[in-house]
């Protein structure tokens, strides 16, 4: 009874409820680990992560913010990738895991470049998720091509 009352009150205040074991928290935790791989989390990477997560899961801002906070907290407590990848592997299909690797590459390329540490992080995550090297490389190429297309469009608009 108390739980229902608490849920009712949280609903009135607009607080988003995130259930324990929500695989979206693990996805966001991995996003933070990849963003931190090169030692600097850039605002462009954060913006890209927010946009991708919001669009992919069709979230409103309240739920998005709650998930990001939960993912960031989970990431700060994690000691390795396995905590997140084992959870994700149980909840996502192979196709969804491949798409997740693509999303991670898009976040890495959000600042216009990538580092060796980010490459290594995604290689390790993809391996733990059971994503093949071929699919990992294809997703990297797709993310890099998107950046090239954006830069080309911006250059054309500027001329």
C-alpha atoms as a PDB file:
ATOM      1  CA  UNK A   1       0.000   0.000   0.000  1.00  0.00           C
ATOM      2  CA  UNK A   2       2.816   2.389   0.883  1.00  0.00           C
ATOM      3  CA  UNK A   3       4.476   1.726  -2.499  1.00  0.00           C
ATOM      4  CA  UNK A   4       1.292   2.674  -4.364  1.00  0.00           C
ATOM      5  CA  UNK A   5       0.994   5.867  -2.324  1.00  0.00           C
ATOM      6  CA  UNK A   6       4.648   6.756  -2.972  1.00  0.00           C
ATOM      7  CA  UNK A   7       4.192   6.100  -6.713  1.00  0.00           C
ATOM      8  CA  UNK A   8       1.087   8.307  -6.678  1.00  0.00           C
ATOM      9  CA  UNK A   9       2.992  11.159  -5.009  1.00  0.00           C
ATOM     10  CA  UNK A  10       5.917  10.839  -7.404  1.00  0.00           C
ATOM     11  CA  UNK A  11       3.477  10.947 -10.314  1.00  0.00           C
ATOM     12  CA  UNK A  12       2.023  14.189  -9.001  1.00  0.00           C
ATOM     13  CA  UNK A  13       5.438  15.815  -8.713  1.00  0.00           C
ATOM     14  CA  UNK A  14       6.479  14.726 -12.205  1.00  0.00           C
ATOM     15  CA  UNK A  15       9.273  12.505 -10.911  1.00  0.00           C
ATOM     16  CA  UNK A  16      10.057   9.726 -13.375  1.00  0.00           C
ATOM     17  CA  UNK A  17      10.208   6.209 -11.954  1.00  0.00           C
ATOM     18  CA  UNK A  18      13.057   4.015 -13.204  1.00  0.00           C
ATOM     19  CA  UNK A  19      12.756   0.355 -12.298  1.00  0.00           C
ATOM     20  CA  UNK A  20      15.726  -1.651 -11.043  1.00  0.00           C
ATOM     21  CA  UNK A  21      17.310  -3.617 -13.866  1.00  0.00           C
ATOM     22  CA  UNK A  22      16.019  -1.304 -16.609  1.00  0.00           C
ATOM     23  CA  UNK A  23      18.332  -2.124 -19.554  1.00  0.00           C
ATOM     24  CA  UNK A  24      18.217   1.513 -20.671  1.00  0.00           C
ATOM     25  CA  UNK A  25      20.264   2.402 -17.578  1.00  0.00           C
ATOM     26  CA  UNK A  26      22.919  -0.096 -18.685  1.00  0.00           C
ATOM     27  CA  UNK A  27      22.903   1.385 -22.208  1.00  0.00           C
ATOM     28  CA  UNK A  28      23.422   4.886 -20.814  1.00  0.00           C
ATOM     29  CA  UNK A  29      26.105   3.609 -18.441  1.00  0.00           C
ATOM     30  CA  UNK A  30      28.009   2.259 -21.456  1.00  0.00           C
ATOM     31  CA  UNK A  31      27.550   5.580 -23.248  1.00  0.00           C
ATOM     32  CA  UNK A  32      29.217   7.354 -20.326  1.00  0.00           C
ATOM     33  CA  UNK A  33      32.048   4.822 -20.228  1.00  0.00           C
ATOM     34  CA  UNK A  34      32.731   5.376 -23.916  1.00  0.00           C
ATOM     35  CA  UNK A  35      32.544   9.170 -23.559  1.00  0.00           C
ATOM     36  CA  UNK A  36      35.024   9.030 -20.676  1.00  0.00           C
ATOM     37  CA  UNK A  37      37.439   6.675 -22.475  1.00  0.00           C
ATOM     38  CA  UNK A  38      39.568   9.518 -23.865  1.00  0.00           C
ATOM     39  CA  UNK A  39      39.616  11.374 -20.543  1.00  0.00           C
ATOM     40  CA  UNK A  40      37.204  14.149 -21.528  1.00  0.00           C
ATOM     41  CA  UNK A  41      33.419  14.163 -21.791  1.00  0.00           C
ATOM     42  CA  UNK A  42      32.589  16.873 -24.289  1.00  0.00           C
ATOM     43  CA  UNK A  43      29.281  18.726 -24.433  1.00  0.00           C
ATOM     44  CA  UNK A  44      28.870  17.622 -28.070  1.00  0.00           C
ATOM     45  CA  UNK A  45      29.075  13.991 -26.949  1.00  0.00           C
ATOM     46  CA  UNK A  46      26.528  14.578 -24.176  1.00  0.00           C
ATOM     47  CA  UNK A  47      24.143  16.321 -26.588  1.00  0.00           C
ATOM     48  CA  UNK A  48      24.472  13.489 -29.100  1.00  0.00           C
ATOM     49  CA  UNK A  49      23.841  10.870 -26.417  1.00  0.00           C
ATOM     50  CA  UNK A  50      20.742  12.730 -25.175  1.00  0.00           C
ATOM     51  CA  UNK A  51      19.355  13.046 -28.714  1.00  0.00           C
ATOM     52  CA  UNK A  52      20.016   9.404 -29.610  1.00  0.00           C
ATOM     53  CA  UNK A  53      18.541   8.019 -26.386  1.00  0.00           C
ATOM     54  CA  UNK A  54      15.526  10.334 -26.544  1.00  0.00           C
ATOM     55  CA  UNK A  55      14.769   9.438 -30.170  1.00  0.00           C
ATOM     56  CA  UNK A  56      15.516   5.726 -29.860  1.00  0.00           C
ATOM     57  CA  UNK A  57      13.324   5.174 -26.804  1.00  0.00           C
ATOM     58  CA  UNK A  58      10.802   7.950 -27.599  1.00  0.00           C
ATOM     59  CA  UNK A  59      11.185   9.574 -24.187  1.00  0.00           C
ATOM     60  CA  UNK A  60       9.916  12.803 -22.732  1.00  0.00           C
ATOM     61  CA  UNK A  61      12.425  15.066 -21.001  1.00  0.00           C
ATOM     62  CA  UNK A  62      11.521  13.961 -17.460  1.00  0.00           C
ATOM     63  CA  UNK A  63      12.107  10.271 -18.151  1.00  0.00           C
ATOM     64  CA  UNK A  64      15.205  11.042 -20.226  1.00  0.00           C
ATOM     65  CA  UNK A  65      16.725  13.079 -17.402  1.00  0.00           C
ATOM     66  CA  UNK A  66      15.921  10.375 -14.843  1.00  0.00           C
ATOM     67  CA  UNK A  67      17.476   7.680 -17.036  1.00  0.00           C
ATOM     68  CA  UNK A  68      20.597   9.737 -17.685  1.00  0.00           C
ATOM     69  CA  UNK A  69      21.017  10.403 -13.976  1.00  0.00           C
ATOM     70  CA  UNK A  70      20.550   6.698 -13.186  1.00  0.00           C
ATOM     71  CA  UNK A  71      22.983   5.704 -15.967  1.00  0.00           C
ATOM     72  CA  UNK A  72      25.596   8.200 -14.828  1.00  0.00           C
ATOM     73  CA  UNK A  73      25.291   6.994 -11.229  1.00  0.00           C
ATOM     74  CA  UNK A  74      25.549   3.363 -12.319  1.00  0.00           C
ATOM     75  CA  UNK A  75      28.604   4.171 -14.429  1.00  0.00           C
ATOM     76  CA  UNK A  76      30.339   5.870 -11.506  1.00  0.00           C
ATOM     77  CA  UNK A  77      29.904   2.668  -9.461  1.00  0.00           C
ATOM     78  CA  UNK A  78      30.962   0.275 -12.234  1.00  0.00           C
ATOM     79  CA  UNK A  79      34.461  -1.121 -12.342  1.00  0.00           C
ATOM     80  CA  UNK A  80      34.292  -2.502 -15.881  1.00  0.00           C
ATOM     81  CA  UNK A  81      32.119  -2.933 -18.973  1.00  0.00           C
ATOM     82  CA  UNK A  82      30.876  -6.383 -17.958  1.00  0.00           C
ATOM     83  CA  UNK A  83      28.337  -5.067 -15.470  1.00  0.00           C
ATOM     84  CA  UNK A  84      26.459  -3.361 -18.300  1.00  0.00           C
ATOM     85  CA  UNK A  85      27.149  -5.695 -21.208  1.00  0.00           C
ATOM     86  CA  UNK A  86      25.932  -8.796 -19.367  1.00  0.00           C
ATOM     87  CA  UNK A  87      22.640  -7.051 -18.566  1.00  0.00           C
ATOM     88  CA  UNK A  88      22.267  -5.710 -22.105  1.00  0.00           C
ATOM     89  CA  UNK A  89      23.035  -9.088 -23.653  1.00  0.00           C
ATOM     90  CA  UNK A  90      20.149 -10.630 -21.696  1.00  0.00           C
ATOM     91  CA  UNK A  91      17.661  -7.967 -22.826  1.00  0.00           C
ATOM     92  CA  UNK A  92      18.601  -7.016 -26.393  1.00  0.00           C
ATOM     93  CA  UNK A  93      18.570  -9.046 -29.583  1.00  0.00           C
ATOM     94  CA  UNK A  94      21.685  -9.352 -31.728  1.00  0.00           C
ATOM     95  CA  UNK A  95      20.347  -6.695 -34.103  1.00  0.00           C
ATOM     96  CA  UNK A  96      19.671  -4.320 -31.202  1.00  0.00           C
ATOM     97  CA  UNK A  97      23.188  -4.878 -29.833  1.00  0.00           C
ATOM     98  CA  UNK A  98      24.661  -4.070 -33.247  1.00  0.00           C
ATOM     99  CA  UNK A  99      22.589  -0.872 -33.327  1.00  0.00           C
ATOM    100  CA  UNK A 100      23.851  -0.007 -29.848  1.00  0.00           C
ATOM    101  CA  UNK A 101      27.432  -0.268 -31.101  1.00  0.00           C
ATOM    102  CA  UNK A 102      26.469   2.104 -33.927  1.00  0.00           C
ATOM    103  CA  UNK A 103      25.013   4.517 -31.402  1.00  0.00           C
ATOM    104  CA  UNK A 104      28.230   4.406 -29.367  1.00  0.00           C
ATOM    105  CA  UNK A 105      30.240   5.256 -32.495  1.00  0.00           C
ATOM    106  CA  UNK A 106      27.939   8.210 -33.212  1.00  0.00           C
ATOM    107  CA  UNK A 107      28.561   9.523 -29.706  1.00  0.00           C
ATOM    108  CA  UNK A 108      32.332   9.125 -30.147  1.00  0.00           C
ATOM    109  CA  UNK A 109      32.262  11.001 -33.460  1.00  0.00           C
ATOM    110  CA  UNK A 110      30.037  13.784 -32.088  1.00  0.00           C
ATOM    111  CA  UNK A 111      33.154  15.863 -31.421  1.00  0.00           C
ATOM    112  CA  UNK A 112      34.433  15.281 -34.973  1.00  0.00           C
ATOM    113  CA  UNK A 113      37.164  12.785 -34.116  1.00  0.00           C
ATOM    114  CA  UNK A 114      37.944   9.654 -32.156  1.00  0.00           C
ATOM    115  CA  UNK A 115      40.825   8.489 -30.022  1.00  0.00           C
ATOM    116  CA  UNK A 116      42.622   5.192 -29.712  1.00  0.00           C
ATOM    117  CA  UNK A 117      41.114   4.781 -26.239  1.00  0.00           C
ATOM    118  CA  UNK A 118      37.587   5.217 -27.590  1.00  0.00           C
ATOM    119  CA  UNK A 119      38.347   2.668 -30.337  1.00  0.00           C
ATOM    120  CA  UNK A 120      39.555   0.221 -27.708  1.00  0.00           C
ATOM    121  CA  UNK A 121      36.514   0.798 -25.472  1.00  0.00           C
ATOM    122  CA  UNK A 122      34.070   0.110 -28.285  1.00  0.00           C
ATOM    123  CA  UNK A 123      36.067  -2.898 -29.475  1.00  0.00           C
ATOM    124  CA  UNK A 124      35.888  -4.355 -25.951  1.00  0.00           C
ATOM    125  CA  UNK A 125      32.178  -3.540 -25.519  1.00  0.00           C
ATOM    126  CA  UNK A 126      31.299  -5.013 -28.922  1.00  0.00           C
ATOM    127  CA  UNK A 127      33.225  -8.167 -28.055  1.00  0.00           C
ATOM    128  CA  UNK A 128      31.392  -8.545 -24.729  1.00  0.00           C
ATOM    129  CA  UNK A 129      28.052  -7.940 -26.479  1.00  0.00           C
ATOM    130  CA  UNK A 130      28.788 -10.637 -29.053  1.00  0.00           C
ATOM    131  CA  UNK A 131      28.950  -8.138 -31.926  1.00  0.00           C
ATOM    132  CA  UNK A 132      31.334  -9.264 -34.652  1.00  0.00           C
ATOM    133  CA  UNK A 133      34.396  -7.280 -35.662  1.00  0.00           C
ATOM    134  CA  UNK A 134      32.858  -6.863 -39.107  1.00  0.00           C
ATOM    135  CA  UNK A 135      29.662  -5.329 -37.727  1.00  0.00           C
ATOM    136  CA  UNK A 136      31.652  -3.111 -35.352  1.00  0.00           C
ATOM    137  CA  UNK A 137      33.753  -1.752 -38.210  1.00  0.00           C
ATOM    138  CA  UNK A 138      30.700  -1.247 -40.443  1.00  0.00           C
ATOM    139  CA  UNK A 139      28.994   0.755 -37.704  1.00  0.00           C
ATOM    140  CA  UNK A 140      32.134   2.853 -37.248  1.00  0.00           C
ATOM    141  CA  UNK A 141      32.255   3.585 -40.963  1.00  0.00           C
ATOM    142  CA  UNK A 142      28.560   4.552 -40.964  1.00  0.00           C
ATOM    143  CA  UNK A 143      29.085   6.949 -38.040  1.00  0.00           C
ATOM    144  CA  UNK A 144      32.153   8.491 -39.689  1.00  0.00           C
ATOM    145  CA  UNK A 145      30.240   8.899 -42.967  1.00  0.00           C
ATOM    146  CA  UNK A 146      27.455  10.753 -41.137  1.00  0.00           C
ATOM    147  CA  UNK A 147      30.023  13.211 -39.764  1.00  0.00           C
ATOM    148  CA  UNK A 148      31.513  13.695 -43.242  1.00  0.00           C
ATOM    149  CA  UNK A 149      28.028  14.357 -44.677  1.00  0.00           C
ATOM    150  CA  UNK A 150      27.237  16.923 -41.981  1.00  0.00           C
ATOM    151  CA  UNK A 151      30.553  18.735 -42.544  1.00  0.00           C
ATOM    152  CA  UNK A 152      30.010  18.705 -46.310  1.00  0.00           C
ATOM    153  CA  UNK A 153      26.483  20.140 -45.942  1.00  0.00           C
ATOM    154  CA  UNK A 154      27.726  22.843 -43.581  1.00  0.00           C
ATOM    155  CA  UNK A 155      30.497  23.781 -46.017  1.00  0.00           C
ATOM    156  CA  UNK A 156      28.008  24.010 -48.892  1.00  0.00           C
ATOM    157  CA  UNK A 157      25.650  26.193 -46.859  1.00  0.00           C
ATOM    158  CA  UNK A 158      28.520  28.464 -45.867  1.00  0.00           C
ATOM    159  CA  UNK A 159      29.590  29.150 -49.474  1.00  0.00           C
END
